[in-house]
């Protein structure tokens, strides 16, 4: 699975705080997603659902 963060990101850090195994704040100040295993799907979805600007998508 892959999590991606689009250009709507406002750099709030909520996703990285919720699921640091999948999301991190880059040197550019914005959040970035990564590939992850199914064991992290629930928490990655929590991060996606909590994003205040709906900038996160998850593809299986």
PDB file of N, CA and C in Angstrom:
ATOM      1  N   UNK A   1       0.827  -1.164   0.000  1.00  0.00           N
ATOM      2  CA  UNK A   1       0.000   0.000   0.000  1.00  0.00           C
ATOM      3  C   UNK A   1       0.880   1.238   0.000  1.00  0.00           C
ATOM      4  N   UNK A   2       0.315   2.325  -0.524  1.00  0.00           N
ATOM      5  CA  UNK A   2       1.059   3.571  -0.614  1.00  0.00           C
ATOM      6  C   UNK A   2       0.199   4.738  -0.154  1.00  0.00           C
ATOM      7  N   UNK A   3       0.749   5.566   0.688  1.00  0.00           N
ATOM      8  CA  UNK A   3       0.095   6.796   1.115  1.00  0.00           C
ATOM      9  C   UNK A   3       0.768   7.962   0.405  1.00  0.00           C
ATOM     10  N   UNK A   4      -0.041   8.858  -0.134  1.00  0.00           N
ATOM     11  CA  UNK A   4       0.492  10.048  -0.776  1.00  0.00           C
ATOM     12  C   UNK A   4      -0.181  11.283  -0.190  1.00  0.00           C
ATOM     13  N   UNK A   5       0.544  12.374  -0.223  1.00  0.00           N
ATOM     14  CA  UNK A   5       0.051  13.655   0.268  1.00  0.00           C
ATOM     15  C   UNK A   5       0.103  14.630  -0.905  1.00  0.00           C
ATOM     16  N   UNK A   6      -1.028  15.282  -1.198  1.00  0.00           N
ATOM     17  CA  UNK A   6      -1.062  16.172  -2.358  1.00  0.00           C
ATOM     18  C   UNK A   6      -0.731  17.619  -1.977  1.00  0.00           C
ATOM     19  N   UNK A   7      -0.835  18.502  -2.964  1.00  0.00           N
ATOM     20  CA  UNK A   7      -0.443  19.905  -2.792  1.00  0.00           C
ATOM     21  C   UNK A   7      -1.355  20.697  -1.859  1.00  0.00           C
ATOM     22  N   UNK A   8      -2.437  20.090  -1.388  1.00  0.00           N
ATOM     23  CA  UNK A   8      -3.316  20.774  -0.425  1.00  0.00           C
ATOM     24  C   UNK A   8      -2.728  20.800   0.983  1.00  0.00           C
ATOM     25  N   UNK A   9      -1.650  20.066   1.212  1.00  0.00           N
ATOM     26  CA  UNK A   9      -1.034  19.971   2.539  1.00  0.00           C
ATOM     27  C   UNK A   9      -0.735  21.354   3.101  1.00  0.00           C
ATOM     28  N   UNK A  10      -1.123  21.563   4.372  1.00  0.00           N
ATOM     29  CA  UNK A  10      -0.871  22.842   5.045  1.00  0.00           C
ATOM     30  C   UNK A  10       0.212  22.712   6.117  1.00  0.00           C
ATOM     31  N   UNK A  11       0.923  21.609   6.130  1.00  0.00           N
ATOM     32  CA  UNK A  11       2.051  21.386   7.043  1.00  0.00           C
ATOM     33  C   UNK A  11       1.658  21.356   8.509  1.00  0.00           C
ATOM     34  N   UNK A  12       0.472  20.859   8.814  1.00  0.00           N
ATOM     35  CA  UNK A  12       0.032  20.854  10.219  1.00  0.00           C
ATOM     36  C   UNK A  12       0.708  19.747  11.025  1.00  0.00           C
ATOM     37  N   UNK A  13       1.181  18.687  10.372  1.00  0.00           N
ATOM     38  CA  UNK A  13       1.889  17.611  11.054  1.00  0.00           C
ATOM     39  C   UNK A  13       0.999  16.571  11.713  1.00  0.00           C
ATOM     40  N   UNK A  14      -0.309  16.695  11.554  1.00  0.00           N
ATOM     41  CA  UNK A  14      -1.225  15.755  12.186  1.00  0.00           C
ATOM     42  C   UNK A  14      -0.971  14.321  11.721  1.00  0.00           C
ATOM     43  N   UNK A  15      -0.766  14.127  10.434  1.00  0.00           N
ATOM     44  CA  UNK A  15      -0.555  12.771   9.917  1.00  0.00           C
ATOM     45  C   UNK A  15       0.721  12.153  10.483  1.00  0.00           C
ATOM     46  N   UNK A  16       1.799  12.939  10.511  1.00  0.00           N
ATOM     47  CA  UNK A  16       3.067  12.436  11.044  1.00  0.00           C
ATOM     48  C   UNK A  16       2.967  12.147  12.530  1.00  0.00           C
ATOM     49  N   UNK A  17       2.179  12.922  13.230  1.00  0.00           N
ATOM     50  CA  UNK A  17       1.974  12.680  14.652  1.00  0.00           C
ATOM     51  C   UNK A  17       1.116  11.459  14.920  1.00  0.00           C
ATOM     52  N   UNK A  18       0.161  11.210  14.025  1.00  0.00           N
ATOM     53  CA  UNK A  18      -0.745  10.077  14.174  1.00  0.00           C
ATOM     54  C   UNK A  18      -0.103   8.776  13.739  1.00  0.00           C
ATOM     55  N   UNK A  19       0.636   8.821  12.639  1.00  0.00           N
ATOM     56  CA  UNK A  19       1.206   7.601  12.056  1.00  0.00           C
ATOM     57  C   UNK A  19       2.617   7.868  11.521  1.00  0.00           C
ATOM     58  N   UNK A  20       3.595   8.013  12.419  1.00  0.00           N
ATOM     59  CA  UNK A  20       4.953   8.330  11.972  1.00  0.00           C
ATOM     60  C   UNK A  20       5.630   7.207  11.185  1.00  0.00           C
ATOM     61  N   UNK A  21       5.067   6.004  11.246  1.00  0.00           N
ATOM     62  CA  UNK A  21       5.629   4.897  10.461  1.00  0.00           C
ATOM     63  C   UNK A  21       5.374   5.082   8.965  1.00  0.00           C
ATOM     64  N   UNK A  22       4.363   5.879   8.613  1.00  0.00           N
ATOM     65  CA  UNK A  22       3.974   6.067   7.211  1.00  0.00           C
ATOM     66  C   UNK A  22       4.219   7.498   6.741  1.00  0.00           C
ATOM     67  N   UNK A  23       4.020   8.481   7.610  1.00  0.00           N
ATOM     68  CA  UNK A  23       4.117   9.891   7.220  1.00  0.00           C
ATOM     69  C   UNK A  23       5.279  10.573   7.933  1.00  0.00           C
ATOM     70  N   UNK A  24       5.922  11.486   7.233  1.00  0.00           N
ATOM     71  CA  UNK A  24       6.978  12.293   7.848  1.00  0.00           C
ATOM     72  C   UNK A  24       6.924  13.696   7.266  1.00  0.00           C
ATOM     73  N   UNK A  25       7.472  14.628   8.010  1.00  0.00           N
ATOM     74  CA  UNK A  25       7.565  16.003   7.541  1.00  0.00           C
ATOM     75  C   UNK A  25       8.904  16.153   6.830  1.00  0.00           C
ATOM     76  N   UNK A  26       8.841  16.583   5.588  1.00  0.00           N
ATOM     77  CA  UNK A  26      10.044  16.715   4.791  1.00  0.00           C
ATOM     78  C   UNK A  26      10.783  18.011   5.045  1.00  0.00           C
ATOM     79  N   UNK A  27      11.971  18.115   4.490  1.00  0.00           N
ATOM     80  CA  UNK A  27      12.766  19.336   4.611  1.00  0.00           C
ATOM     81  C   UNK A  27      12.068  20.519   3.956  1.00  0.00           C
ATOM     82  N   UNK A  28      11.124  20.242   3.059  1.00  0.00           N
ATOM     83  CA  UNK A  28      10.359  21.300   2.408  1.00  0.00           C
ATOM     84  C   UNK A  28       9.234  21.824   3.296  1.00  0.00           C
ATOM     85  N   UNK A  29       9.072  21.210   4.477  1.00  0.00           N
ATOM     86  CA  UNK A  29       8.058  21.656   5.416  1.00  0.00           C
ATOM     87  C   UNK A  29       6.709  20.984   5.250  1.00  0.00           C
ATOM     88  N   UNK A  30       6.569  20.161   4.219  1.00  0.00           N
ATOM     89  CA  UNK A  30       5.304  19.492   3.952  1.00  0.00           C
ATOM     90  C   UNK A  30       5.373  18.018   4.329  1.00  0.00           C
ATOM     91  N   UNK A  31       4.199  17.426   4.526  1.00  0.00           N
ATOM     92  CA  UNK A  31       4.124  16.006   4.852  1.00  0.00           C
ATOM     93  C   UNK A  31       4.343  15.162   3.603  1.00  0.00           C
ATOM     94  N   UNK A  32       4.907  13.981   3.823  1.00  0.00           N
ATOM     95  CA  UNK A  32       5.140  13.025   2.751  1.00  0.00           C
ATOM     96  C   UNK A  32       4.736  11.650   3.252  1.00  0.00           C
ATOM     97  N   UNK A  33       4.137  10.872   2.370  1.00  0.00           N
ATOM     98  CA  UNK A  33       3.754   9.507   2.706  1.00  0.00           C
ATOM     99  C   UNK A  33       4.756   8.527   2.155  1.00  0.00           C
ATOM    100  N   UNK A  34       4.494   7.244   2.399  1.00  0.00           N
ATOM    101  CA  UNK A  34       5.398   6.198   1.939  1.00  0.00           C
ATOM    102  C   UNK A  34       4.619   4.910   1.726  1.00  0.00           C
ATOM    103  N   UNK A  35       5.330   3.899   1.267  1.00  0.00           N
ATOM    104  CA  UNK A  35       4.746   2.569   1.165  1.00  0.00           C
ATOM    105  C   UNK A  35       4.690   1.959   2.557  1.00  0.00           C
ATOM    106  N   UNK A  36       3.686   1.107   2.778  1.00  0.00           N
ATOM    107  CA  UNK A  36       3.546   0.477   4.090  1.00  0.00           C
ATOM    108  C   UNK A  36       2.791  -0.834   3.962  1.00  0.00           C
ATOM    109  N   UNK A  37       2.912  -1.653   4.983  1.00  0.00           N
ATOM    110  CA  UNK A  37       2.252  -2.949   5.014  1.00  0.00           C
ATOM    111  C   UNK A  37       0.844  -2.853   5.575  1.00  0.00           C
ATOM    112  N   UNK A  38       0.079  -3.897   5.357  1.00  0.00           N
ATOM    113  CA  UNK A  38      -1.329  -3.912   5.763  1.00  0.00           C
ATOM    114  C   UNK A  38      -1.517  -3.779   7.272  1.00  0.00           C
ATOM    115  N   UNK A  39      -0.496  -4.099   8.047  1.00  0.00           N
ATOM    116  CA  UNK A  39      -0.612  -3.989   9.498  1.00  0.00           C
ATOM    117  C   UNK A  39      -0.751  -2.532   9.957  1.00  0.00           C
ATOM    118  N   UNK A  40      -0.384  -1.597   9.102  1.00  0.00           N
ATOM    119  CA  UNK A  40      -0.486  -0.179   9.445  1.00  0.00           C
ATOM    120  C   UNK A  40      -1.688   0.510   8.798  1.00  0.00           C
ATOM    121  N   UNK A  41      -2.514  -0.249   8.089  1.00  0.00           N
ATOM    122  CA  UNK A  41      -3.623   0.355   7.357  1.00  0.00           C
ATOM    123  C   UNK A  41      -4.569   1.133   8.263  1.00  0.00           C
ATOM    124  N   UNK A  42      -4.959   0.576   9.386  1.00  0.00           N
ATOM    125  CA  UNK A  42      -5.925   1.252  10.262  1.00  0.00           C
ATOM    126  C   UNK A  42      -5.411   2.609  10.734  1.00  0.00           C
ATOM    127  N   UNK A  43      -4.181   2.661  11.185  1.00  0.00           N
ATOM    128  CA  UNK A  43      -3.637   3.925  11.690  1.00  0.00           C
ATOM    129  C   UNK A  43      -3.355   4.907  10.549  1.00  0.00           C
ATOM    130  N   UNK A  44      -2.971   4.410   9.386  1.00  0.00           N
ATOM    131  CA  UNK A  44      -2.782   5.287   8.225  1.00  0.00           C
ATOM    132  C   UNK A  44      -4.120   5.893   7.805  1.00  0.00           C
ATOM    133  N   UNK A  45      -5.182   5.104   7.860  1.00  0.00           N
ATOM    134  CA  UNK A  45      -6.510   5.622   7.536  1.00  0.00           C
ATOM    135  C   UNK A  45      -6.964   6.650   8.564  1.00  0.00           C
ATOM    136  N   UNK A  46      -6.603   6.461   9.831  1.00  0.00           N
ATOM    137  CA  UNK A  46      -6.918   7.455  10.856  1.00  0.00           C
ATOM    138  C   UNK A  46      -6.232   8.777  10.532  1.00  0.00           C
ATOM    139  N   UNK A  47      -4.989   8.710  10.101  1.00  0.00           N
ATOM    140  CA  UNK A  47      -4.252   9.914   9.722  1.00  0.00           C
ATOM    141  C   UNK A  47      -4.915  10.576   8.519  1.00  0.00           C
ATOM    142  N   UNK A  48      -5.276   9.789   7.530  1.00  0.00           N
ATOM    143  CA  UNK A  48      -5.957  10.324   6.343  1.00  0.00           C
ATOM    144  C   UNK A  48      -7.268  10.997   6.731  1.00  0.00           C
ATOM    145  N   UNK A  49      -8.055  10.315   7.534  1.00  0.00           N
ATOM    146  CA  UNK A  49      -9.367  10.832   7.910  1.00  0.00           C
ATOM    147  C   UNK A  49      -9.265  12.070   8.799  1.00  0.00           C
ATOM    148  N   UNK A  50      -8.165  12.221   9.524  1.00  0.00           N
ATOM    149  CA  UNK A  50      -7.975  13.363  10.388  1.00  0.00           C
ATOM    150  C   UNK A  50      -7.395  14.587   9.690  1.00  0.00           C
ATOM    151  N   UNK A  51      -6.933  14.416   8.468  1.00  0.00           N
ATOM    152  CA  UNK A  51      -6.319  15.530   7.746  1.00  0.00           C
ATOM    153  C   UNK A  51      -7.352  16.648   7.540  1.00  0.00           C
ATOM    154  N   UNK A  52      -7.062  17.863   8.019  1.00  0.00           N
ATOM    155  CA  UNK A  52      -8.051  18.944   7.940  1.00  0.00           C
ATOM    156  C   UNK A  52      -8.311  19.461   6.529  1.00  0.00           C
ATOM    157  N   UNK A  53      -7.435  19.116   5.576  1.00  0.00           N
ATOM    158  CA  UNK A  53      -7.627  19.592   4.202  1.00  0.00           C
ATOM    159  C   UNK A  53      -7.756  18.435   3.204  1.00  0.00           C
ATOM    160  N   UNK A  54      -7.968  17.225   3.704  1.00  0.00           N
ATOM    161  CA  UNK A  54      -8.154  16.033   2.854  1.00  0.00           C
ATOM    162  C   UNK A  54      -7.053  15.895   1.807  1.00  0.00           C
ATOM    163  N   UNK A  55      -5.808  16.035   2.243  1.00  0.00           N
ATOM    164  CA  UNK A  55      -4.670  15.982   1.326  1.00  0.00           C
ATOM    165  C   UNK A  55      -4.077  14.588   1.160  1.00  0.00           C
ATOM    166  N   UNK A  56      -4.598  13.606   1.886  1.00  0.00           N
ATOM    167  CA  UNK A  56      -3.993  12.267   1.903  1.00  0.00           C
ATOM    168  C   UNK A  56      -4.844  11.269   1.134  1.00  0.00           C
ATOM    169  N   UNK A  57      -4.179  10.456   0.333  1.00  0.00           N
ATOM    170  CA  UNK A  57      -4.857   9.321  -0.297  1.00  0.00           C
ATOM    171  C   UNK A  57      -4.045   8.055  -0.027  1.00  0.00           C
ATOM    172  N   UNK A  58      -4.772   6.947   0.040  1.00  0.00           N
ATOM    173  CA  UNK A  58      -4.144   5.649   0.278  1.00  0.00           C
ATOM    174  C   UNK A  58      -4.569   4.705  -0.824  1.00  0.00           C
ATOM    175  N   UNK A  59      -3.603   4.105  -1.486  1.00  0.00           N
ATOM    176  CA  UNK A  59      -3.854   3.145  -2.564  1.00  0.00           C
ATOM    177  C   UNK A  59      -3.365   1.778  -2.129  1.00  0.00           C
ATOM    178  N   UNK A  60      -4.183   0.793  -2.389  1.00  0.00           N
ATOM    179  CA  UNK A  60      -3.815  -0.585  -2.026  1.00  0.00           C
ATOM    180  C   UNK A  60      -3.151  -1.263  -3.193  1.00  0.00           C
TER     181      UNK A  60
END
